[in-house]
């Protein structure tokens, strides 16, 4: 399924979008547990992200696993996606990002890089990000959500940026490319705080429960 977006009084041309979903972390600040398997309403966060990407019409998805791969993999196998294992996840997020970008196979117009630990992102949020990308300022190649002056996730960029990242050194990822090409980066200003919510620490869990009235729970198998 592709992304056909309507806005600004007219019908935009179809954009073929791929996505890399990063889920290789150790969860060291949460007791060494796979935070993407935290459940909201009984649904693991990683499945919520996949449902959001699918609902927004993303054409191709690559999930990058590393730490806890054997626990996470069963939660995503029923989705039409490509699984990639980072055998050296402690090399950092850039290494996972590059593996995911390299695993995309389709002829794409744009690529989304998303985090598997954002509990509130839904299909409408992904659709809004893609729409902002389509309406980005001339000369820009990367769009990220900006909430009250702070960066959020996911980020979306052109297929050309993907090619340039992969052609660069092993330490070059999306953030490093943006730092070197600031003139090509455009914020998507929004008051949607879902783009800013992710889970890294016990304090994040407590804050999420306090702010939303919903509790994230560990599944019994990884408790």
Protein backbone atom coordinates (compact mmCIF):
# COMPACT_ATOMS: atom_id res chain seq x y z
CA UNK A 1 0.00 0.00 0.00
CA UNK A 2 1.28 3.41 -0.92
CA UNK A 3 0.74 6.82 0.55
CA UNK A 4 -1.75 9.04 -1.25
CA UNK A 5 -2.22 12.15 0.82
CA UNK A 6 -4.76 14.90 0.42
CA UNK A 7 -4.09 18.37 1.77
CA UNK A 8 -3.84 22.01 0.84
CA UNK A 9 -6.91 21.75 -1.37
CA UNK A 10 -5.43 19.29 -3.85
CA UNK A 11 -4.31 15.71 -4.29
CA UNK A 12 -0.57 15.15 -3.90
CA UNK A 13 1.27 12.64 -6.05
CA UNK A 14 1.99 9.23 -4.59
CA UNK A 15 5.09 8.89 -2.44
CA UNK A 16 6.73 5.49 -2.04
CA UNK A 17 7.94 5.28 1.55
CA UNK A 18 10.18 2.78 3.29
CA UNK A 19 10.76 2.63 7.03
CA UNK A 20 13.52 1.42 9.33
CA UNK A 21 12.30 0.55 12.82
CA UNK A 22 15.11 0.41 15.37
CA UNK A 23 14.75 -2.21 18.12
CA UNK A 24 18.31 -3.34 18.82
CA UNK A 25 18.94 -1.70 22.21
CA UNK A 26 19.81 -3.47 25.42
CA UNK A 27 17.37 -1.53 27.60
CA UNK A 28 20.18 -1.13 30.11
CA UNK A 29 18.45 1.70 31.98
CA UNK A 30 15.36 -0.47 32.39
CA UNK A 31 17.06 -3.46 33.93
CA UNK A 32 18.42 -4.91 30.69
CA UNK A 33 14.98 -5.74 29.34
CA UNK A 34 13.61 -5.18 25.79
CA UNK A 35 11.67 -1.95 26.22
CA UNK A 36 9.92 -2.36 22.87
CA UNK A 37 8.04 -5.30 24.42
CA UNK A 38 6.50 -3.10 27.08
CA UNK A 39 2.75 -3.32 26.58
CA UNK A 40 0.16 -0.57 26.37
CA UNK A 41 -3.34 -1.99 26.51
CA UNK A 42 -1.85 -5.46 26.12
CA UNK A 43 -0.09 -4.59 22.82
CA UNK A 44 3.74 -4.46 22.70
CA UNK A 45 5.14 -1.08 21.70
CA UNK A 46 6.91 -2.52 18.68
CA UNK A 47 3.64 -3.87 17.33
CA UNK A 48 2.02 -0.49 17.90
CA UNK A 49 4.73 1.10 15.75
CA UNK A 50 4.25 -1.48 13.01
CA UNK A 51 0.49 -0.95 13.07
CA UNK A 52 1.06 2.81 12.78
CA UNK A 53 3.42 2.44 9.83
CA UNK A 54 1.09 0.01 8.10
CA UNK A 55 -1.94 2.22 8.74
CA UNK A 56 -0.12 5.18 7.17
CA UNK A 57 0.47 3.16 4.00
CA UNK A 58 4.23 2.71 4.32
CA UNK A 59 5.34 0.45 1.47
CA UNK A 60 8.30 -1.40 3.00
CA UNK A 61 9.47 -1.92 6.58
CA UNK A 62 12.79 -3.17 7.92
CA UNK A 63 13.07 -4.00 11.64
CA UNK A 64 16.57 -4.02 13.09
CA UNK A 65 17.09 -6.30 16.09
CA UNK A 66 20.16 -6.79 18.25
CA UNK A 67 19.96 -7.35 22.00
CA UNK A 68 16.97 -9.54 22.95
CA UNK A 69 16.37 -10.48 19.30
CA UNK A 70 15.11 -13.94 20.24
CA UNK A 71 12.45 -12.39 22.49
CA UNK A 72 11.35 -9.64 20.10
CA UNK A 73 11.25 -11.60 16.86
CA UNK A 74 8.11 -13.66 17.69
CA UNK A 75 6.20 -10.42 18.34
CA UNK A 76 6.67 -9.18 14.76
CA UNK A 77 6.82 -12.25 12.54
CA UNK A 78 3.20 -11.95 11.41
CA UNK A 79 3.90 -8.57 9.78
CA UNK A 80 5.13 -8.29 6.17
CA UNK A 81 8.60 -6.96 6.88
CA UNK A 82 12.31 -7.65 6.66
CA UNK A 83 14.16 -8.60 9.84
CA UNK A 84 17.82 -7.65 10.19
CA UNK A 85 20.06 -8.58 13.12
CA UNK A 86 22.80 -6.27 14.25
CA UNK A 87 25.45 -8.67 15.53
CA UNK A 88 27.28 -5.75 17.15
CA UNK A 89 24.50 -3.65 18.68
CA UNK A 90 26.85 -2.13 21.25
CA UNK A 91 28.49 -0.26 18.37
CA UNK A 92 25.56 2.14 18.74
CA UNK A 93 22.38 3.21 17.04
CA UNK A 94 24.18 4.39 13.90
CA UNK A 95 25.29 0.82 13.19
CA UNK A 96 21.69 -0.41 13.43
CA UNK A 97 20.44 2.48 11.34
CA UNK A 98 22.90 1.77 8.54
CA UNK A 99 22.03 -1.94 8.51
CA UNK A 100 18.35 -1.06 8.22
CA UNK A 101 18.89 1.47 5.45
CA UNK A 102 20.99 -1.02 3.50
CA UNK A 103 18.28 -3.68 3.82
CA UNK A 104 15.60 -1.58 2.10
CA UNK A 105 15.16 -3.00 -1.38
CA UNK A 106 12.38 -1.05 -3.07
CA UNK A 107 12.57 1.99 -5.31
CA UNK A 108 11.72 4.58 -2.68
CA UNK A 109 11.00 8.29 -2.66
CA UNK A 110 11.46 8.67 1.09
CA UNK A 111 12.62 6.80 4.17
CA UNK A 112 11.33 7.02 7.74
CA UNK A 113 13.59 6.08 10.65
CA UNK A 114 11.47 5.26 13.68
CA UNK A 115 12.08 4.13 17.26
CA UNK A 116 10.35 1.04 18.63
CA UNK A 117 9.86 2.54 22.10
CA UNK A 118 7.47 5.41 21.30
CA UNK A 119 4.18 4.34 22.87
CA UNK A 120 1.86 7.05 21.51
CA UNK A 121 2.71 7.25 17.81
CA UNK A 122 -0.23 6.26 15.61
CA UNK A 123 -1.01 6.08 11.90
CA UNK A 124 -2.27 9.67 11.83
CA UNK A 125 1.05 10.87 13.24
CA UNK A 126 3.00 9.02 10.53
CA UNK A 127 0.63 10.35 7.87
CA UNK A 128 1.12 13.91 9.17
CA UNK A 129 4.90 13.49 9.04
CA UNK A 130 4.76 12.26 5.44
CA UNK A 131 2.48 15.17 4.53
CA UNK A 132 4.98 17.60 6.08
CA UNK A 133 7.73 15.96 4.04
CA UNK A 134 5.73 16.46 0.85
CA UNK A 135 5.26 20.14 1.70
CA UNK A 136 8.84 20.69 2.88
CA UNK A 137 10.67 23.88 1.88
CA UNK A 138 12.49 23.85 -1.42
CA UNK A 139 16.05 22.58 -1.04
CA UNK A 140 15.37 20.54 2.09
CA UNK A 141 15.82 16.78 2.20
CA UNK A 142 15.14 15.87 5.85
CA UNK A 143 12.05 16.64 7.92
CA UNK A 144 11.69 16.02 11.65
CA UNK A 145 8.87 16.88 14.08
CA UNK A 146 9.60 19.81 16.38
CA UNK A 147 7.46 20.24 19.49
CA UNK A 148 7.88 23.45 21.51
CA UNK A 149 11.35 23.90 20.04
CA UNK A 150 12.44 20.32 20.83
CA UNK A 151 13.20 17.57 18.33
CA UNK A 152 10.95 14.56 18.11
CA UNK A 153 10.79 11.28 16.22
CA UNK A 154 10.37 9.70 13.70
CA UNK A 155 12.41 11.47 11.03
CA UNK A 156 11.85 11.28 7.27
CA UNK A 157 14.27 11.97 4.43
CA UNK A 158 14.74 11.51 0.71
CA UNK A 159 16.08 8.39 -0.95
CA UNK A 160 19.10 10.48 -2.00
CA UNK A 161 19.96 11.11 1.66
CA UNK A 162 19.77 7.37 2.30
CA UNK A 163 22.23 6.79 -0.53
CA UNK A 164 24.59 9.46 0.79
CA UNK A 165 24.51 8.04 4.31
CA UNK A 166 25.32 4.55 3.06
CA UNK A 167 28.12 5.91 0.87
CA UNK A 168 29.72 7.59 3.89
CA UNK A 169 31.91 6.28 6.67
CA UNK A 170 30.60 3.71 9.14
CA UNK A 171 30.03 6.39 11.79
CA UNK A 172 27.66 8.38 9.56
CA UNK A 173 23.96 8.07 10.29
CA UNK A 174 20.98 10.35 9.85
CA UNK A 175 21.88 12.68 12.72
CA UNK A 176 25.47 13.05 11.51
CA UNK A 177 24.27 13.74 7.96
CA UNK A 178 21.95 16.43 9.29
CA UNK A 179 24.76 18.06 11.26
CA UNK A 180 26.86 18.27 8.11
CA UNK A 181 23.97 19.49 5.93
CA UNK A 182 21.97 21.76 8.21
CA UNK A 183 20.68 23.81 5.29
CA UNK A 184 18.85 20.72 3.99
CA UNK A 185 17.01 20.00 7.26
CA UNK A 186 13.51 21.35 7.93
CA UNK A 187 11.47 21.13 11.14
CA UNK A 188 7.83 20.13 11.07
CA UNK A 189 6.47 22.44 13.78
CA UNK A 190 3.63 20.82 15.70
CA UNK A 191 2.05 20.80 19.14
CA UNK A 192 1.62 17.01 18.98
CA UNK A 193 3.64 15.79 21.96
CA UNK A 194 3.33 12.16 20.91
CA UNK A 195 6.41 12.73 18.76
CA UNK A 196 8.41 13.54 21.90
CA UNK A 197 7.39 10.57 24.09
CA UNK A 198 9.74 7.62 24.30
CA UNK A 199 10.72 5.26 27.08
CA UNK A 200 14.28 4.91 28.33
CA UNK A 201 14.20 4.96 32.14
CA UNK A 202 11.98 4.12 35.13
CA UNK A 203 11.30 7.86 35.42
CA UNK A 204 9.94 7.80 31.86
CA UNK A 205 7.58 4.98 32.83
CA UNK A 206 6.34 6.90 35.86
CA UNK A 207 5.96 10.13 33.85
CA UNK A 208 4.01 8.33 31.15
CA UNK A 209 1.57 6.90 33.69
CA UNK A 210 1.20 10.28 35.38
CA UNK A 211 0.69 12.23 32.15
CA UNK A 212 -1.59 9.78 30.33
CA UNK A 213 -3.33 7.79 33.05
CA UNK A 214 -2.16 4.60 31.32
CA UNK A 215 0.45 2.18 32.59
CA UNK A 216 3.06 0.41 30.50
CA UNK A 217 3.49 -3.17 31.69
CA UNK A 218 6.14 -5.80 31.10
CA UNK A 219 4.86 -9.05 29.61
CA UNK A 220 5.26 -11.99 31.92
CA UNK A 221 7.77 -13.71 29.62
CA UNK A 222 10.33 -10.93 30.04
CA UNK A 223 9.52 -9.80 33.56
